[in-house]
Amino acid sequence: MDGAMDGFLDALASEAPAPGAGAAVAVTVAMAAGLLAMFARSSVDLPDRDALAARADDLRAAAFDLIEADRVAYTRVLEHRPRRQGDPDGFREVVAAANQPLLAACQIADRTVDAGLGALPAGNPAVRPDLTAGLFLARSAVTVATGLIEANTRVGRLSGDDLDRARRHDASLQQRLDGVVGVG
């Protein structure tokens, strides 16, 4: 492993406001998709394993791209914050835009879980716990994203539509993962 993860974790632990929790959500979803790709590649008897691995790689890359999207969106919120009293509509707009990478992470997590649940029974039993861990990482990321969107909704005085979407993703993942075992 190279120093990229160390660099990210150092940046996350710094006093800088970004990367922050939104980037952590994106990385967590990317890790979940990475575990799905590993599961597919390790499951030689899994039908369409190469297609599943490629799909998982695409999900991982899309989630990884959200790290930068979140940084840009959150930086805009911070830049606009001093002017929020004089320009509440502008502030509301940048806060609403900051929800978009989080909602995208929810969608990617949802697709990762769908693909993983479909493959789990037929895949390599030796790596089922890894995939199961990935499924629960995806769910955890959605729960965190939902909390961040809730905070943004409150701070930005947003309509709640984004929060409703995030809550639906979270509830759906909770329901679909209820009864899935294999971690610990």
C-alpha atoms as a PDB file:
ATOM      1  CA  MET A   1       0.000   0.000   0.000  1.00  0.00           C
ATOM      2  CA  ASP A   2       1.371   3.418  -0.865  1.00  0.00           C
ATOM      3  CA  GLY A   3       1.172   6.586   1.171  1.00  0.00           C
ATOM      4  CA  ALA A   4      -2.086   7.788  -0.409  1.00  0.00           C
ATOM      5  CA  MET A   5      -4.197   6.423   2.427  1.00  0.00           C
ATOM      6  CA  ASP A   6      -1.788   7.844   5.005  1.00  0.00           C
ATOM      7  CA  GLY A   7      -2.004  11.209   3.287  1.00  0.00           C
ATOM      8  CA  PHE A   8      -5.786  11.121   3.267  1.00  0.00           C
ATOM      9  CA  LEU A   9      -5.952  10.114   6.923  1.00  0.00           C
ATOM     10  CA  ASP A  10      -3.458  12.835   7.858  1.00  0.00           C
ATOM     11  CA  ALA A  11      -5.587  15.397   6.011  1.00  0.00           C
ATOM     12  CA  LEU A  12      -8.732  14.051   7.668  1.00  0.00           C
ATOM     13  CA  ALA A  13      -7.115  14.405  11.103  1.00  0.00           C
ATOM     14  CA  SER A  14      -5.845  17.935  10.470  1.00  0.00           C
ATOM     15  CA  GLU A  15      -7.507  21.159  11.599  1.00  0.00           C
ATOM     16  CA  ALA A  16      -8.586  21.833   8.012  1.00  0.00           C
ATOM     17  CA  PRO A  17     -12.348  21.638   7.516  1.00  0.00           C
ATOM     18  CA  ALA A  18     -11.972  19.432   4.442  1.00  0.00           C
ATOM     19  CA  PRO A  19     -11.665  16.584   3.928  1.00  0.00           C
ATOM     20  CA  GLY A  20     -14.231  15.840   6.575  1.00  0.00           C
ATOM     21  CA  ALA A  21     -17.153  13.544   7.199  1.00  0.00           C
ATOM     22  CA  GLY A  22     -18.440  13.763   3.613  1.00  0.00           C
ATOM     23  CA  ALA A  23     -15.107  12.541   2.285  1.00  0.00           C
ATOM     24  CA  ALA A  24     -15.103   9.783   4.907  1.00  0.00           C
ATOM     25  CA  VAL A  25     -18.532   8.709   3.626  1.00  0.00           C
ATOM     26  CA  ALA A  26     -17.191   8.572   0.053  1.00  0.00           C
ATOM     27  CA  VAL A  27     -14.138   6.542   1.084  1.00  0.00           C
ATOM     28  CA  THR A  28     -16.316   4.141   3.067  1.00  0.00           C
ATOM     29  CA  VAL A  29     -18.582   3.548   0.075  1.00  0.00           C
ATOM     30  CA  ALA A  30     -15.504   3.066  -2.126  1.00  0.00           C
ATOM     31  CA  MET A  31     -14.182   0.478   0.348  1.00  0.00           C
ATOM     32  CA  ALA A  32     -17.522  -1.333   0.269  1.00  0.00           C
ATOM     33  CA  ALA A  33     -17.406  -1.476  -3.527  1.00  0.00           C
ATOM     34  CA  GLY A  34     -13.782  -2.616  -3.340  1.00  0.00           C
ATOM     35  CA  LEU A  35     -14.781  -5.513  -1.112  1.00  0.00           C
ATOM     36  CA  LEU A  36     -17.506  -6.405  -3.615  1.00  0.00           C
ATOM     37  CA  ALA A  37     -14.879  -6.448  -6.398  1.00  0.00           C
ATOM     38  CA  MET A  38     -12.588  -8.640  -4.297  1.00  0.00           C
ATOM     39  CA  PHE A  39     -15.478 -11.023  -3.601  1.00  0.00           C
ATOM     40  CA  ALA A  40     -16.306 -11.268  -7.307  1.00  0.00           C
ATOM     41  CA  ARG A  41     -12.703 -11.906  -8.315  1.00  0.00           C
ATOM     42  CA  SER A  42     -12.296 -14.513  -5.561  1.00  0.00           C
ATOM     43  CA  SER A  43     -15.458 -16.397  -6.514  1.00  0.00           C
ATOM     44  CA  VAL A  44     -14.387 -18.471  -9.515  1.00  0.00           C
ATOM     45  CA  ASP A  45     -17.742 -20.275  -9.711  1.00  0.00           C
ATOM     46  CA  LEU A  46     -19.804 -17.088  -9.534  1.00  0.00           C
ATOM     47  CA  PRO A  47     -21.767 -16.526 -12.766  1.00  0.00           C
ATOM     48  CA  ASP A  48     -20.788 -13.269 -14.463  1.00  0.00           C
ATOM     49  CA  ARG A  49     -18.016 -12.682 -11.943  1.00  0.00           C
ATOM     50  CA  ASP A  50     -15.980 -10.584 -14.373  1.00  0.00           C
ATOM     51  CA  ALA A  51     -18.974  -8.343 -15.069  1.00  0.00           C
ATOM     52  CA  LEU A  52     -19.662  -8.027 -11.336  1.00  0.00           C
ATOM     53  CA  ALA A  53     -16.026  -7.146 -10.640  1.00  0.00           C
ATOM     54  CA  ALA A  54     -16.085  -4.511 -13.392  1.00  0.00           C
ATOM     55  CA  ARG A  55     -19.346  -3.067 -12.055  1.00  0.00           C
ATOM     56  CA  ALA A  56     -17.886  -2.971  -8.548  1.00  0.00           C
ATOM     57  CA  ASP A  57     -14.777  -1.218  -9.885  1.00  0.00           C
ATOM     58  CA  ASP A  58     -17.001   1.384 -11.544  1.00  0.00           C
ATOM     59  CA  LEU A  59     -18.910   1.905  -8.281  1.00  0.00           C
ATOM     60  CA  ARG A  60     -15.635   2.233  -6.387  1.00  0.00           C
ATOM     61  CA  ALA A  61     -14.314   4.823  -8.833  1.00  0.00           C
ATOM     62  CA  ALA A  62     -17.569   6.792  -8.716  1.00  0.00           C
ATOM     63  CA  ALA A  63     -17.491   6.817  -4.913  1.00  0.00           C
ATOM     64  CA  PHE A  64     -13.846   7.846  -4.906  1.00  0.00           C
ATOM     65  CA  ASP A  65     -14.653  10.800  -7.201  1.00  0.00           C
ATOM     66  CA  LEU A  66     -17.069  12.054  -4.550  1.00  0.00           C
ATOM     67  CA  ILE A  67     -14.164  12.899  -2.237  1.00  0.00           C
ATOM     68  CA  GLU A  68     -13.253  15.839  -4.444  1.00  0.00           C
ATOM     69  CA  ALA A  69     -16.879  16.724  -5.183  1.00  0.00           C
ATOM     70  CA  ASP A  70     -17.568  16.908  -1.448  1.00  0.00           C
ATOM     71  CA  ARG A  71     -14.463  19.040  -0.840  1.00  0.00           C
ATOM     72  CA  VAL A  72     -15.489  21.524  -3.521  1.00  0.00           C
ATOM     73  CA  ALA A  73     -19.098  21.698  -2.308  1.00  0.00           C
ATOM     74  CA  TYR A  74     -18.181  22.079   1.352  1.00  0.00           C
ATOM     75  CA  THR A  75     -15.540  24.703   0.559  1.00  0.00           C
ATOM     76  CA  ARG A  76     -18.240  26.736  -1.186  1.00  0.00           C
ATOM     77  CA  VAL A  77     -20.409  26.505   1.948  1.00  0.00           C
ATOM     78  CA  LEU A  78     -17.542  27.739   4.110  1.00  0.00           C
ATOM     79  CA  GLU A  79     -16.780  30.579   1.710  1.00  0.00           C
ATOM     80  CA  HIS A  80     -20.420  31.658   1.636  1.00  0.00           C
ATOM     81  CA  ARG A  81     -21.064  31.299   5.381  1.00  0.00           C
ATOM     82  CA  PRO A  82     -19.942  34.859   6.323  1.00  0.00           C
ATOM     83  CA  ARG A  83     -22.458  36.239   3.793  1.00  0.00           C
ATOM     84  CA  ARG A  84     -25.382  34.018   4.766  1.00  0.00           C
ATOM     85  CA  GLN A  85     -27.287  36.768   6.590  1.00  0.00           C
ATOM     86  CA  GLY A  86     -27.070  39.125   3.625  1.00  0.00           C
ATOM     87  CA  ASP A  87     -27.655  36.424   1.017  1.00  0.00           C
ATOM     88  CA  PRO A  88     -29.780  33.676   2.569  1.00  0.00           C
ATOM     89  CA  ASP A  89     -30.902  32.361  -0.827  1.00  0.00           C
ATOM     90  CA  GLY A  90     -27.301  32.067  -1.998  1.00  0.00           C
ATOM     91  CA  PHE A  91     -26.346  30.306   1.216  1.00  0.00           C
ATOM     92  CA  ARG A  92     -29.300  27.928   0.892  1.00  0.00           C
ATOM     93  CA  GLU A  93     -28.193  27.159  -2.667  1.00  0.00           C
ATOM     94  CA  VAL A  94     -24.611  26.242  -1.722  1.00  0.00           C
ATOM     95  CA  VAL A  95     -25.779  24.149   1.237  1.00  0.00           C
ATOM     96  CA  ALA A  96     -28.230  22.299  -1.009  1.00  0.00           C
ATOM     97  CA  ALA A  97     -25.374  21.691  -3.458  1.00  0.00           C
ATOM     98  CA  ALA A  98     -23.306  20.227  -0.612  1.00  0.00           C
ATOM     99  CA  ASN A  99     -25.981  17.548  -0.196  1.00  0.00           C
ATOM    100  CA  GLN A 100     -25.486  16.277  -3.736  1.00  0.00           C
ATOM    101  CA  PRO A 101     -22.236  14.318  -3.210  1.00  0.00           C
ATOM    102  CA  LEU A 102     -23.778  12.802  -0.088  1.00  0.00           C
ATOM    103  CA  LEU A 103     -26.889  11.732  -1.987  1.00  0.00           C
ATOM    104  CA  ALA A 104     -24.699  10.321  -4.742  1.00  0.00           C
ATOM    105  CA  ALA A 105     -22.836   8.297  -2.116  1.00  0.00           C
ATOM    106  CA  CYS A 106     -26.183   6.943  -0.894  1.00  0.00           C
ATOM    107  CA  GLN A 107     -27.076   5.870  -4.428  1.00  0.00           C
ATOM    108  CA  ILE A 108     -23.705   4.197  -4.996  1.00  0.00           C
ATOM    109  CA  ALA A 109     -23.962   2.432  -1.639  1.00  0.00           C
ATOM    110  CA  ASP A 110     -27.440   1.228  -2.583  1.00  0.00           C
ATOM    111  CA  ARG A 111     -26.206  -0.198  -5.893  1.00  0.00           C
ATOM    112  CA  THR A 112     -23.245  -1.814  -4.139  1.00  0.00           C
ATOM    113  CA  VAL A 113     -25.534  -3.524  -1.645  1.00  0.00           C
ATOM    114  CA  ASP A 114     -27.894  -4.674  -4.407  1.00  0.00           C
ATOM    115  CA  ALA A 115     -25.054  -6.241  -6.350  1.00  0.00           C
ATOM    116  CA  GLY A 116     -23.530  -7.760  -3.233  1.00  0.00           C
ATOM    117  CA  LEU A 117     -26.739  -9.296  -1.958  1.00  0.00           C
ATOM    118  CA  GLY A 118     -27.352 -10.815  -5.369  1.00  0.00           C
ATOM    119  CA  ALA A 119     -23.916 -12.423  -5.433  1.00  0.00           C
ATOM    120  CA  LEU A 120     -23.533 -13.367  -1.778  1.00  0.00           C
ATOM    121  CA  PRO A 121     -25.196 -16.818  -1.844  1.00  0.00           C
ATOM    122  CA  ALA A 122     -23.284 -18.071  -4.904  1.00  0.00           C
ATOM    123  CA  GLY A 123     -19.856 -16.632  -4.150  1.00  0.00           C
ATOM    124  CA  ASN A 124     -16.784 -18.013  -2.473  1.00  0.00           C
ATOM    125  CA  PRO A 125     -17.700 -18.882   1.136  1.00  0.00           C
ATOM    126  CA  ALA A 126     -14.186 -17.988   2.294  1.00  0.00           C
ATOM    127  CA  VAL A 127     -14.709 -14.335   1.380  1.00  0.00           C
ATOM    128  CA  ARG A 128     -18.403 -13.981   2.247  1.00  0.00           C
ATOM    129  CA  PRO A 129     -17.474 -12.290   5.536  1.00  0.00           C
ATOM    130  CA  ASP A 130     -15.480  -9.712   3.571  1.00  0.00           C
ATOM    131  CA  LEU A 131     -18.414  -8.940   1.318  1.00  0.00           C
ATOM    132  CA  THR A 132     -20.775  -8.870   4.288  1.00  0.00           C
ATOM    133  CA  ALA A 133     -18.458  -6.358   5.967  1.00  0.00           C
ATOM    134  CA  GLY A 134     -18.595  -4.286   2.784  1.00  0.00           C
ATOM    135  CA  LEU A 135     -22.390  -4.362   2.755  1.00  0.00           C
ATOM    136  CA  PHE A 136     -22.504  -3.095   6.324  1.00  0.00           C
ATOM    137  CA  LEU A 137     -19.871  -0.448   5.559  1.00  0.00           C
ATOM    138  CA  ALA A 138     -22.110   0.792   2.749  1.00  0.00           C
ATOM    139  CA  ARG A 139     -25.082   0.908   5.112  1.00  0.00           C
ATOM    140  CA  SER A 140     -23.042   2.762   7.744  1.00  0.00           C
ATOM    141  CA  ALA A 141     -21.933   5.313   5.179  1.00  0.00           C
ATOM    142  CA  VAL A 142     -25.559   5.975   4.236  1.00  0.00           C
ATOM    143  CA  THR A 143     -26.488   6.437   7.889  1.00  0.00           C
ATOM    144  CA  VAL A 144     -23.683   8.992   8.297  1.00  0.00           C
ATOM    145  CA  ALA A 145     -24.599  10.729   5.027  1.00  0.00           C
ATOM    146  CA  THR A 146     -28.190  10.977   6.239  1.00  0.00           C
ATOM    147  CA  GLY A 147     -27.023  12.664   9.431  1.00  0.00           C
ATOM    148  CA  LEU A 148     -24.913  15.131   7.456  1.00  0.00           C
ATOM    149  CA  ILE A 149     -27.818  15.923   5.150  1.00  0.00           C
ATOM    150  CA  GLU A 150     -30.010  16.434   8.207  1.00  0.00           C
ATOM    151  CA  ALA A 151     -27.491  18.946   9.580  1.00  0.00           C
ATOM    152  CA  ASN A 152     -27.301  20.705   6.210  1.00  0.00           C
ATOM    153  CA  THR A 153     -31.080  20.829   6.008  1.00  0.00           C
ATOM    154  CA  ARG A 154     -31.248  22.513   9.392  1.00  0.00           C
ATOM    155  CA  VAL A 155     -28.345  24.952   8.803  1.00  0.00           C
ATOM    156  CA  GLY A 156     -29.413  25.834   5.273  1.00  0.00           C
ATOM    157  CA  ARG A 157     -33.133  25.894   6.089  1.00  0.00           C
ATOM    158  CA  LEU A 158     -33.726  23.510   3.199  1.00  0.00           C
ATOM    159  CA  SER A 159     -37.023  21.909   2.228  1.00  0.00           C
ATOM    160  CA  GLY A 160     -36.223  18.428   3.488  1.00  0.00           C
ATOM    161  CA  ASP A 161     -36.544  16.692   0.117  1.00  0.00           C
ATOM    162  CA  ASP A 162     -32.883  15.598   0.163  1.00  0.00           C
ATOM    163  CA  LEU A 163     -33.238  14.405   3.739  1.00  0.00           C
ATOM    164  CA  ASP A 164     -36.311  12.361   2.811  1.00  0.00           C
ATOM    165  CA  ARG A 165     -34.377  10.704  -0.030  1.00  0.00           C
ATOM    166  CA  ALA A 166     -31.445   9.911   2.238  1.00  0.00           C
ATOM    167  CA  ARG A 167     -33.745   8.492   4.913  1.00  0.00           C
ATOM    168  CA  ARG A 168     -35.399   6.257   2.314  1.00  0.00           C
ATOM    169  CA  HIS A 169     -31.986   4.912   1.276  1.00  0.00           C
ATOM    170  CA  ASP A 170     -31.055   4.317   4.907  1.00  0.00           C
ATOM    171  CA  ALA A 171     -34.308   2.547   5.761  1.00  0.00           C
ATOM    172  CA  SER A 172     -34.147   0.443   2.611  1.00  0.00           C
ATOM    173  CA  LEU A 173     -30.593  -0.688   3.342  1.00  0.00           C
ATOM    174  CA  GLN A 174     -31.475  -1.478   6.932  1.00  0.00           C
ATOM    175  CA  GLN A 175     -34.397  -3.605   5.798  1.00  0.00           C
ATOM    176  CA  ARG A 176     -32.438  -5.412   3.073  1.00  0.00           C
ATOM    177  CA  LEU A 177     -29.513  -6.153   5.389  1.00  0.00           C
ATOM    178  CA  ASP A 178     -31.688  -7.308   8.269  1.00  0.00           C
ATOM    179  CA  GLY A 179     -30.805 -10.934   8.857  1.00  0.00           C
ATOM    180  CA  VAL A 180     -27.589 -10.888   6.822  1.00  0.00           C
ATOM    181  CA  VAL A 181     -24.875 -12.534   8.869  1.00  0.00           C
ATOM    182  CA  GLY A 182     -21.233 -13.307   8.343  1.00  0.00           C
ATOM    183  CA  VAL A 183     -19.275 -10.587  10.100  1.00  0.00           C
ATOM    184  CA  GLY A 184     -17.704 -11.322  13.442  1.00  0.00           C
END
